[in-house]
Amino acid sequence: MNLWKSIALAFIAAAAFTAGNPEADAAGVCHDQPNMAAALGQLRGARASLAKAEHDKGGWRVAAIANTDKAIADTERGCAFDNNH
């Protein structure tokens, strides 16, 4: 199995693990931050769609998943920072 397939499988497994209602989960992380919660929910929805997309994208789908994961993590960190300050 090549590296890209391993990465894709890991991302798909992570998406399956975090499946649920993205907006409800986002509201918990970004309480009292409706715009950040909405963005986080939409990023999680986009991540789920990317995970379900066809695999033959020349590596771009996997790159998009990785970038979306980074955007989700950055948004969660921004919410956590605001929650503590």
N, C-alpha and C. Protein backbone atom coordinates (compact mmCIF):
# COMPACT_ATOMS: atom_id res chain seq x y z
N MET A 1 0.86 -1.17 0.00
CA MET A 1 0.00 0.00 0.00
C MET A 1 0.90 1.24 0.00
N ASN A 2 0.60 2.18 -0.89
CA ASN A 2 1.45 3.36 -0.94
C ASN A 2 1.09 4.36 0.16
N LEU A 3 1.93 5.35 0.32
CA LEU A 3 1.77 6.34 1.39
C LEU A 3 0.43 7.06 1.31
N TRP A 4 0.03 7.48 0.10
CA TRP A 4 -1.21 8.24 -0.04
C TRP A 4 -2.42 7.42 0.37
N LYS A 5 -2.42 6.13 0.04
CA LYS A 5 -3.54 5.28 0.44
C LYS A 5 -3.59 5.14 1.95
N SER A 6 -2.43 5.00 2.58
CA SER A 6 -2.38 4.90 4.04
C SER A 6 -2.92 6.16 4.69
N ILE A 7 -2.50 7.31 4.15
CA ILE A 7 -2.96 8.59 4.69
C ILE A 7 -4.47 8.72 4.50
N ALA A 8 -4.94 8.37 3.31
CA ALA A 8 -6.38 8.47 3.03
C ALA A 8 -7.18 7.58 3.97
N LEU A 9 -6.71 6.37 4.20
CA LEU A 9 -7.42 5.47 5.10
C LEU A 9 -7.44 6.01 6.53
N ALA A 10 -6.33 6.60 6.95
CA ALA A 10 -6.28 7.18 8.30
C ALA A 10 -7.27 8.33 8.43
N PHE A 11 -7.35 9.17 7.40
CA PHE A 11 -8.29 10.29 7.44
C PHE A 11 -9.73 9.80 7.44
N ILE A 12 -10.01 8.79 6.64
CA ILE A 12 -11.37 8.25 6.59
C ILE A 12 -11.76 7.65 7.94
N ALA A 13 -10.82 6.95 8.57
CA ALA A 13 -11.09 6.38 9.89
C ALA A 13 -11.36 7.49 10.90
N ALA A 14 -10.60 8.57 10.84
CA ALA A 14 -10.81 9.69 11.75
C ALA A 14 -12.17 10.34 11.51
N ALA A 15 -12.56 10.45 10.25
CA ALA A 15 -13.86 11.04 9.93
C ALA A 15 -14.99 10.17 10.47
N ALA A 16 -14.84 8.88 10.32
CA ALA A 16 -15.87 7.97 10.83
C ALA A 16 -15.97 8.05 12.34
N PHE A 17 -14.84 8.22 12.99
CA PHE A 17 -14.81 8.30 14.45
C PHE A 17 -15.49 9.57 14.95
N THR A 18 -15.35 10.66 14.20
CA THR A 18 -15.90 11.95 14.63
C THR A 18 -17.25 12.25 13.99
N ALA A 19 -17.87 11.26 13.36
CA ALA A 19 -19.16 11.49 12.70
C ALA A 19 -20.21 11.88 13.72
N GLY A 20 -21.16 12.63 13.28
CA GLY A 20 -22.23 13.09 14.15
C GLY A 20 -22.78 14.38 13.59
N ASN A 21 -23.32 15.19 14.46
CA ASN A 21 -23.87 16.47 14.04
C ASN A 21 -22.77 17.52 14.17
N PRO A 22 -22.19 17.96 13.04
CA PRO A 22 -21.08 18.91 13.11
C PRO A 22 -21.42 20.21 13.81
N GLU A 23 -22.65 20.72 13.57
CA GLU A 23 -23.00 22.00 14.19
C GLU A 23 -23.15 21.87 15.69
N ALA A 24 -23.72 20.78 16.17
CA ALA A 24 -23.88 20.59 17.61
C ALA A 24 -22.51 20.45 18.28
N ASP A 25 -21.62 19.69 17.66
CA ASP A 25 -20.28 19.53 18.21
C ASP A 25 -19.54 20.87 18.21
N ALA A 26 -19.71 21.64 17.14
CA ALA A 26 -19.02 22.92 17.03
C ALA A 26 -19.50 23.90 18.10
N ALA A 27 -20.79 23.88 18.39
CA ALA A 27 -21.33 24.79 19.40
C ALA A 27 -20.72 24.50 20.76
N GLY A 28 -20.42 23.25 21.04
CA GLY A 28 -19.79 22.89 22.32
C GLY A 28 -18.38 23.42 22.43
N VAL A 29 -17.65 23.38 21.33
CA VAL A 29 -16.26 23.85 21.33
C VAL A 29 -16.22 25.38 21.29
N CYS A 30 -17.12 25.96 20.53
CA CYS A 30 -17.11 27.41 20.30
C CYS A 30 -18.35 28.06 20.92
N HIS A 31 -18.58 27.79 22.21
CA HIS A 31 -19.76 28.37 22.84
C HIS A 31 -19.67 29.89 22.87
N ASP A 32 -20.80 30.54 22.66
CA ASP A 32 -20.91 32.00 22.59
C ASP A 32 -20.09 32.59 21.44
N GLN A 33 -19.82 31.78 20.42
CA GLN A 33 -19.09 32.24 19.24
C GLN A 33 -19.81 31.70 18.00
N PRO A 34 -20.97 32.26 17.67
CA PRO A 34 -21.80 31.66 16.61
C PRO A 34 -21.12 31.60 15.25
N ASN A 35 -20.35 32.58 14.88
CA ASN A 35 -19.70 32.56 13.57
C ASN A 35 -18.60 31.49 13.51
N MET A 36 -17.84 31.38 14.58
CA MET A 36 -16.79 30.35 14.62
C MET A 36 -17.42 28.97 14.67
N ALA A 37 -18.50 28.82 15.42
CA ALA A 37 -19.19 27.52 15.49
C ALA A 37 -19.75 27.14 14.12
N ALA A 38 -20.32 28.11 13.41
CA ALA A 38 -20.85 27.84 12.07
C ALA A 38 -19.72 27.44 11.12
N ALA A 39 -18.61 28.17 11.17
CA ALA A 39 -17.47 27.84 10.32
C ALA A 39 -16.95 26.45 10.62
N LEU A 40 -16.85 26.12 11.90
CA LEU A 40 -16.35 24.81 12.30
C LEU A 40 -17.29 23.70 11.81
N GLY A 41 -18.58 23.91 11.94
CA GLY A 41 -19.54 22.93 11.45
C GLY A 41 -19.45 22.74 9.94
N GLN A 42 -19.26 23.83 9.22
CA GLN A 42 -19.15 23.75 7.77
C GLN A 42 -17.85 23.08 7.35
N LEU A 43 -16.77 23.35 8.06
CA LEU A 43 -15.50 22.67 7.77
C LEU A 43 -15.62 21.17 8.00
N ARG A 44 -16.28 20.79 9.08
CA ARG A 44 -16.47 19.37 9.37
C ARG A 44 -17.35 18.71 8.31
N GLY A 45 -18.35 19.43 7.83
CA GLY A 45 -19.19 18.91 6.76
C GLY A 45 -18.40 18.74 5.46
N ALA A 46 -17.57 19.72 5.16
CA ALA A 46 -16.72 19.63 3.97
C ALA A 46 -15.75 18.45 4.09
N ARG A 47 -15.23 18.26 5.29
CA ARG A 47 -14.30 17.14 5.54
C ARG A 47 -14.98 15.81 5.28
N ALA A 48 -16.22 15.69 5.73
CA ALA A 48 -16.97 14.45 5.53
C ALA A 48 -17.24 14.22 4.04
N SER A 49 -17.55 15.27 3.31
CA SER A 49 -17.78 15.14 1.87
C SER A 49 -16.51 14.73 1.15
N LEU A 50 -15.39 15.32 1.52
CA LEU A 50 -14.12 14.95 0.91
C LEU A 50 -13.78 13.49 1.18
N ALA A 51 -14.08 13.03 2.39
CA ALA A 51 -13.78 11.64 2.74
C ALA A 51 -14.60 10.67 1.89
N LYS A 52 -15.81 11.07 1.48
CA LYS A 52 -16.68 10.22 0.69
C LYS A 52 -16.40 10.30 -0.80
N ALA A 53 -15.62 11.29 -1.23
CA ALA A 53 -15.37 11.51 -2.66
C ALA A 53 -14.55 10.37 -3.26
N GLU A 54 -14.61 10.26 -4.57
CA GLU A 54 -13.81 9.26 -5.29
C GLU A 54 -12.33 9.48 -4.99
N HIS A 55 -11.57 8.41 -5.01
CA HIS A 55 -10.16 8.46 -4.62
C HIS A 55 -9.23 8.93 -5.74
N ASP A 56 -9.64 8.89 -6.97
CA ASP A 56 -8.73 9.16 -8.09
C ASP A 56 -8.67 10.66 -8.43
N LYS A 57 -7.99 11.41 -7.58
CA LYS A 57 -7.87 12.85 -7.79
C LYS A 57 -6.41 13.29 -7.88
N GLY A 58 -5.51 12.36 -8.14
CA GLY A 58 -4.10 12.71 -8.27
C GLY A 58 -3.47 13.21 -6.99
N GLY A 59 -4.01 12.80 -5.85
CA GLY A 59 -3.48 13.24 -4.57
C GLY A 59 -4.10 14.51 -4.04
N TRP A 60 -4.89 15.19 -4.86
CA TRP A 60 -5.46 16.48 -4.44
C TRP A 60 -6.55 16.33 -3.40
N ARG A 61 -7.33 15.26 -3.49
CA ARG A 61 -8.37 15.03 -2.47
C ARG A 61 -7.73 14.82 -1.11
N VAL A 62 -6.67 14.03 -1.07
CA VAL A 62 -5.98 13.78 0.19
C VAL A 62 -5.36 15.08 0.73
N ALA A 63 -4.80 15.89 -0.16
CA ALA A 63 -4.24 17.18 0.26
C ALA A 63 -5.35 18.09 0.80
N ALA A 64 -6.50 18.08 0.15
CA ALA A 64 -7.63 18.90 0.61
C ALA A 64 -8.10 18.43 1.98
N ILE A 65 -8.12 17.12 2.20
CA ILE A 65 -8.50 16.59 3.51
C ILE A 65 -7.51 17.06 4.57
N ALA A 66 -6.23 16.97 4.27
CA ALA A 66 -5.21 17.41 5.24
C ALA A 66 -5.34 18.90 5.54
N ASN A 67 -5.58 19.70 4.51
CA ASN A 67 -5.74 21.15 4.73
C ASN A 67 -7.01 21.45 5.52
N THR A 68 -8.07 20.71 5.26
CA THR A 68 -9.31 20.90 6.00
C THR A 68 -9.13 20.50 7.45
N ASP A 69 -8.40 19.40 7.69
CA ASP A 69 -8.11 19.00 9.07
C ASP A 69 -7.33 20.09 9.80
N LYS A 70 -6.38 20.72 9.10
CA LYS A 70 -5.62 21.81 9.72
C LYS A 70 -6.54 23.00 10.01
N ALA A 71 -7.43 23.32 9.08
CA ALA A 71 -8.37 24.42 9.29
C ALA A 71 -9.30 24.13 10.47
N ILE A 72 -9.74 22.89 10.60
CA ILE A 72 -10.59 22.51 11.74
C ILE A 72 -9.81 22.69 13.04
N ALA A 73 -8.59 22.19 13.07
CA ALA A 73 -7.77 22.29 14.29
C ALA A 73 -7.49 23.76 14.63
N ASP A 74 -7.19 24.58 13.62
CA ASP A 74 -6.93 26.00 13.86
C ASP A 74 -8.18 26.71 14.39
N THR A 75 -9.34 26.38 13.84
CA THR A 75 -10.58 26.98 14.29
C THR A 75 -10.89 26.58 15.73
N GLU A 76 -10.68 25.29 16.04
CA GLU A 76 -10.89 24.83 17.42
C GLU A 76 -9.94 25.54 18.37
N ARG A 77 -8.67 25.73 17.95
CA ARG A 77 -7.72 26.44 18.81
C ARG A 77 -8.13 27.89 19.02
N GLY A 78 -8.65 28.51 17.95
CA GLY A 78 -9.13 29.89 18.08
C GLY A 78 -10.29 29.99 19.05
N CYS A 79 -11.20 29.04 18.99
CA CYS A 79 -12.32 29.02 19.92
C CYS A 79 -11.83 28.80 21.35
N ALA A 80 -10.92 27.86 21.53
CA ALA A 80 -10.39 27.59 22.86
C ALA A 80 -9.68 28.81 23.43
N PHE A 81 -8.93 29.51 22.58
CA PHE A 81 -8.24 30.71 23.03
C PHE A 81 -9.26 31.74 23.50
N ASP A 82 -10.30 31.97 22.71
CA ASP A 82 -11.32 32.95 23.07
C ASP A 82 -12.07 32.53 24.34
N ASN A 83 -12.30 31.21 24.49
CA ASN A 83 -12.98 30.73 25.67
C ASN A 83 -12.18 31.00 26.94
N ASN A 84 -10.87 31.08 26.82
CA ASN A 84 -9.99 31.26 28.00
C ASN A 84 -9.55 32.70 28.19
N HIS A 85 -9.95 33.62 27.31
CA HIS A 85 -9.49 35.01 27.45
C HIS A 85 -10.65 35.99 27.43
